[in-house]
Amino acid sequence: MKKYFEKFFQIGIIVDDVNAYVKRYEEDFGIGPWEILDFTPALMEGMTVNGEVKDLRMKIAFCRSFGAELELIQPVSESIYMDWLNQHGPGLHHLAFVLNDYE
């Protein structure tokens, strides 16, 4: 059997307040340090939402721990992430894996 996945890479979690979640993960669970980035239209130029170019904004926090990466995503503008948050509330959004073959 062909092995498609080389390793587990990331857990992505949609949140409504990156700073509050980072504080909780650090203080309650000892998980950190975190790098928090503001993704602005300048960093994400030409991104589309439902086929239309939009000025996407989000705050993202990254923590490399346990041999993987935790990613907290706080949508600030209209996006698939904001849709997810509005429909489901904060929670697991995605798992990412490193693949052996991208074809």
PDB file of N, CA and C in Angstrom:
ATOM      1  N   MET A   1       0.840  -1.178   0.000  1.00  0.00           N
ATOM      2  CA  MET A   1       0.000   0.000   0.000  1.00  0.00           C
ATOM      3  C   MET A   1       0.886   1.242   0.000  1.00  0.00           C
ATOM      4  N   LYS A   2       0.534   2.220  -0.831  1.00  0.00           N
ATOM      5  CA  LYS A   2       1.301   3.455  -0.938  1.00  0.00           C
ATOM      6  C   LYS A   2       1.072   4.325   0.297  1.00  0.00           C
ATOM      7  N   LYS A   3       2.141   4.888   0.816  1.00  0.00           N
ATOM      8  CA  LYS A   3       2.078   5.776   1.972  1.00  0.00           C
ATOM      9  C   LYS A   3       1.979   7.222   1.476  1.00  0.00           C
ATOM     10  N   TYR A   4       0.814   7.834   1.613  1.00  0.00           N
ATOM     11  CA  TYR A   4       0.591   9.201   1.129  1.00  0.00           C
ATOM     12  C   TYR A   4       1.041  10.256   2.136  1.00  0.00           C
ATOM     13  N   PHE A   5       0.790  10.013   3.407  1.00  0.00           N
ATOM     14  CA  PHE A   5       1.085  10.990   4.441  1.00  0.00           C
ATOM     15  C   PHE A   5       2.432  10.697   5.082  1.00  0.00           C
ATOM     16  N   GLU A   6       3.313  11.683   5.033  1.00  0.00           N
ATOM     17  CA  GLU A   6       4.636  11.515   5.637  1.00  0.00           C
ATOM     18  C   GLU A   6       4.595  11.784   7.133  1.00  0.00           C
ATOM     19  N   LYS A   7       3.893  12.869   7.510  1.00  0.00           N
ATOM     20  CA  LYS A   7       3.770  13.168   8.938  1.00  0.00           C
ATOM     21  C   LYS A   7       2.637  14.144   9.172  1.00  0.00           C
ATOM     22  N   PHE A   8       2.166  14.165  10.409  1.00  0.00           N
ATOM     23  CA  PHE A   8       1.163  15.127  10.832  1.00  0.00           C
ATOM     24  C   PHE A   8       1.847  16.472  10.978  1.00  0.00           C
ATOM     25  N   PHE A   9       1.207  17.555  10.545  1.00  0.00           N
ATOM     26  CA  PHE A   9       1.847  18.869  10.563  1.00  0.00           C
ATOM     27  C   PHE A   9       1.126  19.894  11.438  1.00  0.00           C
ATOM     28  N   GLN A  10      -0.207  20.017  11.315  1.00  0.00           N
ATOM     29  CA  GLN A  10      -0.871  21.160  11.938  1.00  0.00           C
ATOM     30  C   GLN A  10      -2.316  20.866  12.325  1.00  0.00           C
ATOM     31  N   ILE A  11      -2.733  21.505  13.432  1.00  0.00           N
ATOM     32  CA  ILE A  11      -4.139  21.573  13.826  1.00  0.00           C
ATOM     33  C   ILE A  11      -4.543  23.035  13.701  1.00  0.00           C
ATOM     34  N   GLY A  12      -5.595  23.312  12.932  1.00  0.00           N
ATOM     35  CA  GLY A  12      -6.110  24.674  12.788  1.00  0.00           C
ATOM     36  C   GLY A  12      -7.410  24.828  13.544  1.00  0.00           C
ATOM     37  N   ILE A  13      -7.481  25.858  14.384  1.00  0.00           N
ATOM     38  CA  ILE A  13      -8.647  26.092  15.227  1.00  0.00           C
ATOM     39  C   ILE A  13      -9.152  27.516  14.972  1.00  0.00           C
ATOM     40  N   ILE A  14     -10.441  27.643  14.647  1.00  0.00           N
ATOM     41  CA  ILE A  14     -11.059  28.943  14.466  1.00  0.00           C
ATOM     42  C   ILE A  14     -11.453  29.472  15.849  1.00  0.00           C
ATOM     43  N   VAL A  15     -11.097  30.728  16.126  1.00  0.00           N
ATOM     44  CA  VAL A  15     -11.410  31.339  17.414  1.00  0.00           C
ATOM     45  C   VAL A  15     -12.021  32.724  17.192  1.00  0.00           C
ATOM     46  N   ASP A  16     -12.654  33.240  18.226  1.00  0.00           N
ATOM     47  CA  ASP A  16     -13.233  34.581  18.124  1.00  0.00           C
ATOM     48  C   ASP A  16     -12.355  35.649  18.760  1.00  0.00           C
ATOM     49  N   ASP A  17     -11.290  35.252  19.461  1.00  0.00           N
ATOM     50  CA  ASP A  17     -10.377  36.215  20.084  1.00  0.00           C
ATOM     51  C   ASP A  17      -9.012  35.540  20.279  1.00  0.00           C
ATOM     52  N   VAL A  18      -8.117  35.751  19.330  1.00  0.00           N
ATOM     53  CA  VAL A  18      -6.800  35.096  19.371  1.00  0.00           C
ATOM     54  C   VAL A  18      -6.082  35.371  20.687  1.00  0.00           C
ATOM     55  N   ASN A  19      -6.066  36.616  21.126  1.00  0.00           N
ATOM     56  CA  ASN A  19      -5.316  36.955  22.337  1.00  0.00           C
ATOM     57  C   ASN A  19      -5.844  36.219  23.563  1.00  0.00           C
ATOM     58  N   ALA A  20      -7.153  36.099  23.686  1.00  0.00           N
ATOM     59  CA  ALA A  20      -7.749  35.388  24.820  1.00  0.00           C
ATOM     60  C   ALA A  20      -7.405  33.898  24.769  1.00  0.00           C
ATOM     61  N   TYR A  21      -7.445  33.304  23.582  1.00  0.00           N
ATOM     62  CA  TYR A  21      -7.118  31.881  23.459  1.00  0.00           C
ATOM     63  C   TYR A  21      -5.646  31.625  23.729  1.00  0.00           C
ATOM     64  N   VAL A  22      -4.757  32.496  23.227  1.00  0.00           N
ATOM     65  CA  VAL A  22      -3.327  32.348  23.494  1.00  0.00           C
ATOM     66  C   VAL A  22      -3.081  32.408  24.996  1.00  0.00           C
ATOM     67  N   LYS A  23      -3.691  33.376  25.662  1.00  0.00           N
ATOM     68  CA  LYS A  23      -3.533  33.504  27.117  1.00  0.00           C
ATOM     69  C   LYS A  23      -4.000  32.233  27.825  1.00  0.00           C
ATOM     70  N   ARG A  24      -5.153  31.708  27.411  1.00  0.00           N
ATOM     71  CA  ARG A  24      -5.673  30.491  28.049  1.00  0.00           C
ATOM     72  C   ARG A  24      -4.757  29.297  27.824  1.00  0.00           C
ATOM     73  N   TYR A  25      -4.288  29.101  26.572  1.00  0.00           N
ATOM     74  CA  TYR A  25      -3.401  27.981  26.280  1.00  0.00           C
ATOM     75  C   TYR A  25      -2.104  28.091  27.090  1.00  0.00           C
ATOM     76  N   GLU A  26      -1.579  29.307  27.219  1.00  0.00           N
ATOM     77  CA  GLU A  26      -0.337  29.489  27.979  1.00  0.00           C
ATOM     78  C   GLU A  26      -0.557  29.283  29.467  1.00  0.00           C
ATOM     79  N   GLU A  27      -1.549  29.963  30.037  1.00  0.00           N
ATOM     80  CA  GLU A  27      -1.751  29.942  31.488  1.00  0.00           C
ATOM     81  C   GLU A  27      -2.383  28.655  31.998  1.00  0.00           C
ATOM     82  N   ASP A  28      -3.372  28.125  31.279  1.00  0.00           N
ATOM     83  CA  ASP A  28      -4.080  26.948  31.771  1.00  0.00           C
ATOM     84  C   ASP A  28      -3.433  25.630  31.368  1.00  0.00           C
ATOM     85  N   PHE A  29      -2.773  25.616  30.194  1.00  0.00           N
ATOM     86  CA  PHE A  29      -2.235  24.362  29.678  1.00  0.00           C
ATOM     87  C   PHE A  29      -0.720  24.354  29.508  1.00  0.00           C
ATOM     88  N   GLY A  30      -0.056  25.503  29.703  1.00  0.00           N
ATOM     89  CA  GLY A  30       1.398  25.578  29.554  1.00  0.00           C
ATOM     90  C   GLY A  30       1.866  25.433  28.117  1.00  0.00           C
ATOM     91  N   ILE A  31       0.996  25.731  27.146  1.00  0.00           N
ATOM     92  CA  ILE A  31       1.360  25.597  25.738  1.00  0.00           C
ATOM     93  C   ILE A  31       1.784  26.958  25.199  1.00  0.00           C
ATOM     94  N   GLY A  32       2.987  27.028  24.676  1.00  0.00           N
ATOM     95  CA  GLY A  32       3.533  28.263  24.113  1.00  0.00           C
ATOM     96  C   GLY A  32       5.002  28.040  23.824  1.00  0.00           C
ATOM     97  N   PRO A  33       5.707  29.023  23.379  1.00  0.00           N
ATOM     98  CA  PRO A  33       5.293  30.392  23.092  1.00  0.00           C
ATOM     99  C   PRO A  33       4.549  30.480  21.759  1.00  0.00           C
ATOM    100  N   TRP A  34       3.845  31.586  21.591  1.00  0.00           N
ATOM    101  CA  TRP A  34       3.039  31.836  20.405  1.00  0.00           C
ATOM    102  C   TRP A  34       3.602  33.000  19.607  1.00  0.00           C
ATOM    103  N   GLU A  35       3.445  32.928  18.308  1.00  0.00           N
ATOM    104  CA  GLU A  35       3.739  34.042  17.418  1.00  0.00           C
ATOM    105  C   GLU A  35       2.403  34.499  16.849  1.00  0.00           C
ATOM    106  N   ILE A  36       2.056  35.766  17.081  1.00  0.00           N
ATOM    107  CA  ILE A  36       0.782  36.305  16.613  1.00  0.00           C
ATOM    108  C   ILE A  36       1.044  37.246  15.448  1.00  0.00           C
ATOM    109  N   LEU A  37       0.318  37.024  14.370  1.00  0.00           N
ATOM    110  CA  LEU A  37       0.483  37.832  13.156  1.00  0.00           C
ATOM    111  C   LEU A  37      -0.851  38.419  12.739  1.00  0.00           C
ATOM    112  N   ASP A  38      -0.810  39.655  12.239  1.00  0.00           N
ATOM    113  CA  ASP A  38      -1.976  40.278  11.624  1.00  0.00           C
ATOM    114  C   ASP A  38      -1.851  40.095  10.124  1.00  0.00           C
ATOM    115  N   PHE A  39      -2.764  39.339   9.551  1.00  0.00           N
ATOM    116  CA  PHE A  39      -2.784  39.157   8.107  1.00  0.00           C
ATOM    117  C   PHE A  39      -3.682  40.247   7.534  1.00  0.00           C
ATOM    118  N   THR A  40      -3.077  41.103   6.728  1.00  0.00           N
ATOM    119  CA  THR A  40      -3.765  42.254   6.146  1.00  0.00           C
ATOM    120  C   THR A  40      -3.896  42.047   4.643  1.00  0.00           C
ATOM    121  N   PRO A  41      -4.676  42.873   3.982  1.00  0.00           N
ATOM    122  CA  PRO A  41      -4.787  42.757   2.526  1.00  0.00           C
ATOM    123  C   PRO A  41      -3.430  42.815   1.820  1.00  0.00           C
ATOM    124  N   ALA A  42      -2.486  43.574   2.347  1.00  0.00           N
ATOM    125  CA  ALA A  42      -1.163  43.661   1.731  1.00  0.00           C
ATOM    126  C   ALA A  42      -0.446  42.314   1.726  1.00  0.00           C
ATOM    127  N   LEU A  43      -0.671  41.501   2.750  1.00  0.00           N
ATOM    128  CA  LEU A  43      -0.046  40.175   2.832  1.00  0.00           C
ATOM    129  C   LEU A  43      -0.811  39.129   2.047  1.00  0.00           C
ATOM    130  N   MET A  44      -2.064  39.405   1.767  1.00  0.00           N
ATOM    131  CA  MET A  44      -2.930  38.408   1.135  1.00  0.00           C
ATOM    132  C   MET A  44      -3.578  38.987  -0.113  1.00  0.00           C
ATOM    133  N   GLU A  45      -2.814  39.746  -0.868  1.00  0.00           N
ATOM    134  CA  GLU A  45      -3.321  40.426  -2.049  1.00  0.00           C
ATOM    135  C   GLU A  45      -3.899  39.444  -3.066  1.00  0.00           C
ATOM    136  N   GLY A  46      -5.044  39.796  -3.608  1.00  0.00           N
ATOM    137  CA  GLY A  46      -5.655  38.980  -4.651  1.00  0.00           C
ATOM    138  C   GLY A  46      -6.441  37.789  -4.150  1.00  0.00           C
ATOM    139  N   MET A  47      -6.634  37.666  -2.844  1.00  0.00           N
ATOM    140  CA  MET A  47      -7.403  36.544  -2.315  1.00  0.00           C
ATOM    141  C   MET A  47      -8.877  36.735  -2.680  1.00  0.00           C
ATOM    142  N   THR A  48      -9.559  35.624  -2.859  1.00  0.00           N
ATOM    143  CA  THR A  48     -10.966  35.699  -3.251  1.00  0.00           C
ATOM    144  C   THR A  48     -11.867  35.031  -2.218  1.00  0.00           C
ATOM    145  N   VAL A  49     -13.092  35.521  -2.159  1.00  0.00           N
ATOM    146  CA  VAL A  49     -14.151  34.928  -1.351  1.00  0.00           C
ATOM    147  C   VAL A  49     -15.330  34.741  -2.296  1.00  0.00           C
ATOM    148  N   ASN A  50     -15.745  33.495  -2.459  1.00  0.00           N
ATOM    149  CA  ASN A  50     -16.846  33.171  -3.369  1.00  0.00           C
ATOM    150  C   ASN A  50     -16.621  33.762  -4.764  1.00  0.00           C
ATOM    151  N   GLY A  51     -15.393  33.687  -5.244  1.00  0.00           N
ATOM    152  CA  GLY A  51     -15.055  34.119  -6.595  1.00  0.00           C
ATOM    153  C   GLY A  51     -14.798  35.598  -6.762  1.00  0.00           C
ATOM    154  N   GLU A  52     -14.922  36.393  -5.697  1.00  0.00           N
ATOM    155  CA  GLU A  52     -14.681  37.827  -5.772  1.00  0.00           C
ATOM    156  C   GLU A  52     -13.433  38.188  -4.966  1.00  0.00           C
ATOM    157  N   VAL A  53     -12.603  39.089  -5.532  1.00  0.00           N
ATOM    158  CA  VAL A  53     -11.416  39.552  -4.812  1.00  0.00           C
ATOM    159  C   VAL A  53     -11.884  40.372  -3.610  1.00  0.00           C
ATOM    160  N   LYS A  54     -11.357  40.049  -2.443  1.00  0.00           N
ATOM    161  CA  LYS A  54     -11.730  40.725  -1.198  1.00  0.00           C
ATOM    162  C   LYS A  54     -10.480  41.128  -0.433  1.00  0.00           C
ATOM    163  N   ASP A  55     -10.617  42.146   0.413  1.00  0.00           N
ATOM    164  CA  ASP A  55      -9.553  42.525   1.334  1.00  0.00           C
ATOM    165  C   ASP A  55      -9.701  41.665   2.581  1.00  0.00           C
ATOM    166  N   LEU A  56      -8.953  40.575   2.640  1.00  0.00           N
ATOM    167  CA  LEU A  56      -9.064  39.644   3.761  1.00  0.00           C
ATOM    168  C   LEU A  56      -8.189  40.097   4.922  1.00  0.00           C
ATOM    169  N   ARG A  57      -8.753  39.995   6.103  1.00  0.00           N
ATOM    170  CA  ARG A  57      -8.030  40.310   7.334  1.00  0.00           C
ATOM    171  C   ARG A  57      -8.297  39.206   8.356  1.00  0.00           C
ATOM    172  N   MET A  58      -7.225  38.803   9.031  1.00  0.00           N
ATOM    173  CA  MET A  58      -7.365  37.851  10.123  1.00  0.00           C
ATOM    174  C   MET A  58      -6.153  37.930  11.026  1.00  0.00           C
ATOM    175  N   LYS A  59      -6.345  37.542  12.258  1.00  0.00           N
ATOM    176  CA  LYS A  59      -5.238  37.430  13.203  1.00  0.00           C
ATOM    177  C   LYS A  59      -4.971  35.940  13.362  1.00  0.00           C
ATOM    178  N   ILE A  60      -3.708  35.577  13.270  1.00  0.00           N
ATOM    179  CA  ILE A  60      -3.347  34.169  13.374  1.00  0.00           C
ATOM    180  C   ILE A  60      -2.223  34.014  14.394  1.00  0.00           C
ATOM    181  N   ALA A  61      -2.344  33.000  15.224  1.00  0.00           N
ATOM    182  CA  ALA A  61      -1.302  32.676  16.201  1.00  0.00           C
ATOM    183  C   ALA A  61      -0.784  31.274  15.899  1.00  0.00           C
ATOM    184  N   PHE A  62       0.545  31.137  15.928  1.00  0.00           N
ATOM    185  CA  PHE A  62       1.200  29.857  15.674  1.00  0.00           C
ATOM    186  C   PHE A  62       2.006  29.445  16.898  1.00  0.00           C
ATOM    187  N   CYS A  63       1.957  28.170  17.213  1.00  0.00           N
ATOM    188  CA  CYS A  63       2.785  27.600  18.272  1.00  0.00           C
ATOM    189  C   CYS A  63       3.297  26.249  17.791  1.00  0.00           C
ATOM    190  N   ARG A  64       4.591  26.079  17.816  1.00  0.00           N
ATOM    191  CA  ARG A  64       5.171  24.784  17.446  1.00  0.00           C
ATOM    192  C   ARG A  64       5.435  24.012  18.737  1.00  0.00           C
ATOM    193  N   SER A  65       4.700  22.930  18.880  1.00  0.00           N
ATOM    194  CA  SER A  65       4.774  22.156  20.109  1.00  0.00           C
ATOM    195  C   SER A  65       4.337  20.729  19.828  1.00  0.00           C
ATOM    196  N   PHE A  66       4.811  19.793  20.622  1.00  0.00           N
ATOM    197  CA  PHE A  66       4.425  18.386  20.502  1.00  0.00           C
ATOM    198  C   PHE A  66       4.755  17.819  19.129  1.00  0.00           C
ATOM    199  N   GLY A  67       5.750  18.361  18.453  1.00  0.00           N
ATOM    200  CA  GLY A  67       6.141  17.873  17.138  1.00  0.00           C
ATOM    201  C   GLY A  67       5.222  18.318  16.014  1.00  0.00           C
ATOM    202  N   ALA A  68       4.342  19.269  16.294  1.00  0.00           N
ATOM    203  CA  ALA A  68       3.410  19.772  15.285  1.00  0.00           C
ATOM    204  C   ALA A  68       3.180  21.262  15.526  1.00  0.00           C
ATOM    205  N   GLU A  69       2.307  21.827  14.739  1.00  0.00           N
ATOM    206  CA  GLU A  69       2.000  23.244  14.854  1.00  0.00           C
ATOM    207  C   GLU A  69       0.532  23.422  15.206  1.00  0.00           C
ATOM    208  N   LEU A  70       0.272  24.272  16.183  1.00  0.00           N
ATOM    209  CA  LEU A  70      -1.089  24.683  16.494  1.00  0.00           C
ATOM    210  C   LEU A  70      -1.297  26.038  15.832  1.00  0.00           C
ATOM    211  N   GLU A  71      -2.424  26.211  15.142  1.00  0.00           N
ATOM    212  CA  GLU A  71      -2.733  27.472  14.484  1.00  0.00           C
ATOM    213  C   GLU A  71      -4.099  27.942  14.964  1.00  0.00           C
ATOM    214  N   LEU A  72      -4.144  29.135  15.542  1.00  0.00           N
ATOM    215  CA  LEU A  72      -5.394  29.755  15.952  1.00  0.00           C
ATOM    216  C   LEU A  72      -5.722  30.836  14.935  1.00  0.00           C
ATOM    217  N   ILE A  73      -6.919  30.802  14.376  1.00  0.00           N
ATOM    218  CA  ILE A  73      -7.319  31.713  13.307  1.00  0.00           C
ATOM    219  C   ILE A  73      -8.512  32.538  13.778  1.00  0.00           C
ATOM    220  N   GLN A  74      -8.318  33.853  13.879  1.00  0.00           N
ATOM    221  CA  GLN A  74      -9.417  34.764  14.208  1.00  0.00           C
ATOM    222  C   GLN A  74      -9.760  35.569  12.962  1.00  0.00           C
ATOM    223  N   PRO A  75     -10.886  35.259  12.323  1.00  0.00           N
ATOM    224  CA  PRO A  75     -11.266  36.041  11.150  1.00  0.00           C
ATOM    225  C   PRO A  75     -11.690  37.446  11.564  1.00  0.00           C
ATOM    226  N   VAL A  76     -11.282  38.426  10.764  1.00  0.00           N
ATOM    227  CA  VAL A  76     -11.629  39.814  11.037  1.00  0.00           C
ATOM    228  C   VAL A  76     -12.527  40.365   9.926  1.00  0.00           C
ATOM    229  N   SER A  77     -12.417  39.808   8.733  1.00  0.00           N
ATOM    230  CA  SER A  77     -13.237  40.246   7.605  1.00  0.00           C
ATOM    231  C   SER A  77     -13.980  39.051   7.020  1.00  0.00           C
ATOM    232  N   GLU A  78     -14.837  39.334   6.053  1.00  0.00           N
ATOM    233  CA  GLU A  78     -15.579  38.275   5.371  1.00  0.00           C
ATOM    234  C   GLU A  78     -14.601  37.272   4.768  1.00  0.00           C
ATOM    235  N   SER A  79     -14.827  35.985   5.034  1.00  0.00           N
ATOM    236  CA  SER A  79     -13.941  34.926   4.544  1.00  0.00           C
ATOM    237  C   SER A  79     -14.578  33.578   4.841  1.00  0.00           C
ATOM    238  N   ILE A  80     -13.953  32.518   4.338  1.00  0.00           N
ATOM    239  CA  ILE A  80     -14.433  31.181   4.683  1.00  0.00           C
ATOM    240  C   ILE A  80     -14.296  30.931   6.182  1.00  0.00           C
ATOM    241  N   TYR A  81     -13.312  31.592   6.809  1.00  0.00           N
ATOM    242  CA  TYR A  81     -13.101  31.427   8.245  1.00  0.00           C
ATOM    243  C   TYR A  81     -14.212  32.124   9.043  1.00  0.00           C
ATOM    244  N   MET A  82     -14.630  33.307   8.591  1.00  0.00           N
ATOM    245  CA  MET A  82     -15.726  34.006   9.252  1.00  0.00           C
ATOM    246  C   MET A  82     -17.022  33.215   9.079  1.00  0.00           C
ATOM    247  N   ASP A  83     -17.225  32.662   7.886  1.00  0.00           N
ATOM    248  CA  ASP A  83     -18.405  31.815   7.657  1.00  0.00           C
ATOM    249  C   ASP A  83     -18.420  30.645   8.633  1.00  0.00           C
ATOM    250  N   TRP A  84     -17.268  30.003   8.791  1.00  0.00           N
ATOM    251  CA  TRP A  84     -17.152  28.856   9.712  1.00  0.00           C
ATOM    252  C   TRP A  84     -17.492  29.287  11.139  1.00  0.00           C
ATOM    253  N   LEU A  85     -16.899  30.403  11.576  1.00  0.00           N
ATOM    254  CA  LEU A  85     -17.132  30.888  12.939  1.00  0.00           C
ATOM    255  C   LEU A  85     -18.610  31.206  13.153  1.00  0.00           C
ATOM    256  N   ASN A  86     -19.224  31.872  12.192  1.00  0.00           N
ATOM    257  CA  ASN A  86     -20.642  32.227  12.309  1.00  0.00           C
ATOM    258  C   ASN A  86     -21.547  31.000  12.326  1.00  0.00           C
ATOM    259  N   GLN A  87     -21.194  29.969  11.569  1.00  0.00           N
ATOM    260  CA  GLN A  87     -22.030  28.775  11.480  1.00  0.00           C
ATOM    261  C   GLN A  87     -21.806  27.781  12.610  1.00  0.00           C
ATOM    262  N   HIS A  88     -20.554  27.668  13.066  1.00  0.00           N
ATOM    263  CA  HIS A  88     -20.214  26.611  14.013  1.00  0.00           C
ATOM    264  C   HIS A  88     -19.691  27.099  15.360  1.00  0.00           C
ATOM    265  N   GLY A  89     -19.289  28.356  15.431  1.00  0.00           N
ATOM    266  CA  GLY A  89     -18.639  28.864  16.631  1.00  0.00           C
ATOM    267  C   GLY A  89     -17.187  28.429  16.656  1.00  0.00           C
ATOM    268  N   PRO A  90     -16.451  28.816  17.692  1.00  0.00           N
ATOM    269  CA  PRO A  90     -15.035  28.442  17.786  1.00  0.00           C
ATOM    270  C   PRO A  90     -14.867  26.926  17.833  1.00  0.00           C
ATOM    271  N   GLY A  91     -13.797  26.445  17.200  1.00  0.00           N
ATOM    272  CA  GLY A  91     -13.526  25.016  17.248  1.00  0.00           C
ATOM    273  C   GLY A  91     -12.604  24.557  16.141  1.00  0.00           C
ATOM    274  N   LEU A  92     -12.409  23.267  16.090  1.00  0.00           N
ATOM    275  CA  LEU A  92     -11.522  22.648  15.117  1.00  0.00           C
ATOM    276  C   LEU A  92     -11.946  22.997  13.698  1.00  0.00           C
ATOM    277  N   HIS A  93     -10.994  23.448  12.901  1.00  0.00           N
ATOM    278  CA  HIS A  93     -11.270  23.777  11.506  1.00  0.00           C
ATOM    279  C   HIS A  93     -10.593  22.804  10.558  1.00  0.00           C
ATOM    280  N   HIS A  94      -9.305  22.496  10.803  1.00  0.00           N
ATOM    281  CA  HIS A  94      -8.614  21.596   9.872  1.00  0.00           C
ATOM    282  C   HIS A  94      -7.442  20.879  10.529  1.00  0.00           C
ATOM    283  N   LEU A  95      -7.067  19.784   9.897  1.00  0.00           N
ATOM    284  CA  LEU A  95      -5.833  19.055  10.180  1.00  0.00           C
ATOM    285  C   LEU A  95      -4.998  19.107   8.929  1.00  0.00           C
ATOM    286  N   ALA A  96      -3.706  19.300   9.074  1.00  0.00           N
ATOM    287  CA  ALA A  96      -2.818  19.342   7.895  1.00  0.00           C
ATOM    288  C   ALA A  96      -1.731  18.292   8.037  1.00  0.00           C
ATOM    289  N   PHE A  97      -1.387  17.671   6.918  1.00  0.00           N
ATOM    290  CA  PHE A  97      -0.371  16.640   6.874  1.00  0.00           C
ATOM    291  C   PHE A  97       0.653  16.981   5.805  1.00  0.00           C
ATOM    292  N   VAL A  98       1.888  16.543   5.998  1.00  0.00           N
ATOM    293  CA  VAL A  98       2.906  16.619   4.962  1.00  0.00           C
ATOM    294  C   VAL A  98       2.730  15.373   4.099  1.00  0.00           C
ATOM    295  N   LEU A  99       2.660  15.585   2.783  1.00  0.00           N
ATOM    296  CA  LEU A  99       2.437  14.481   1.861  1.00  0.00           C
ATOM    297  C   LEU A  99       3.745  14.026   1.237  1.00  0.00           C
ATOM    298  N   ASN A 100       3.802  12.762   0.868  1.00  0.00           N
ATOM    299  CA  ASN A 100       4.965  12.222   0.169  1.00  0.00           C
ATOM    300  C   ASN A 100       4.948  12.585  -1.313  1.00  0.00           C
ATOM    301  N   ASP A 101       3.772  12.729  -1.862  1.00  0.00           N
ATOM    302  CA  ASP A 101       3.633  12.949  -3.298  1.00  0.00           C
ATOM    303  C   ASP A 101       2.493  13.935  -3.512  1.00  0.00           C
ATOM    304  N   TYR A 102       2.780  15.078  -4.152  1.00  0.00           N
ATOM    305  CA  TYR A 102       1.760  16.104  -4.342  1.00  0.00           C
ATOM    306  C   TYR A 102       0.941  15.899  -5.605  1.00  0.00           C
ATOM    307  N   GLU A 103       1.238  14.894  -6.402  1.00  0.00           N
ATOM    308  CA  GLU A 103       0.451  14.615  -7.599  1.00  0.00           C
ATOM    309  C   GLU A 103      -0.796  13.878  -7.213  1.00  0.00           C
TER     310      GLU A 103
END
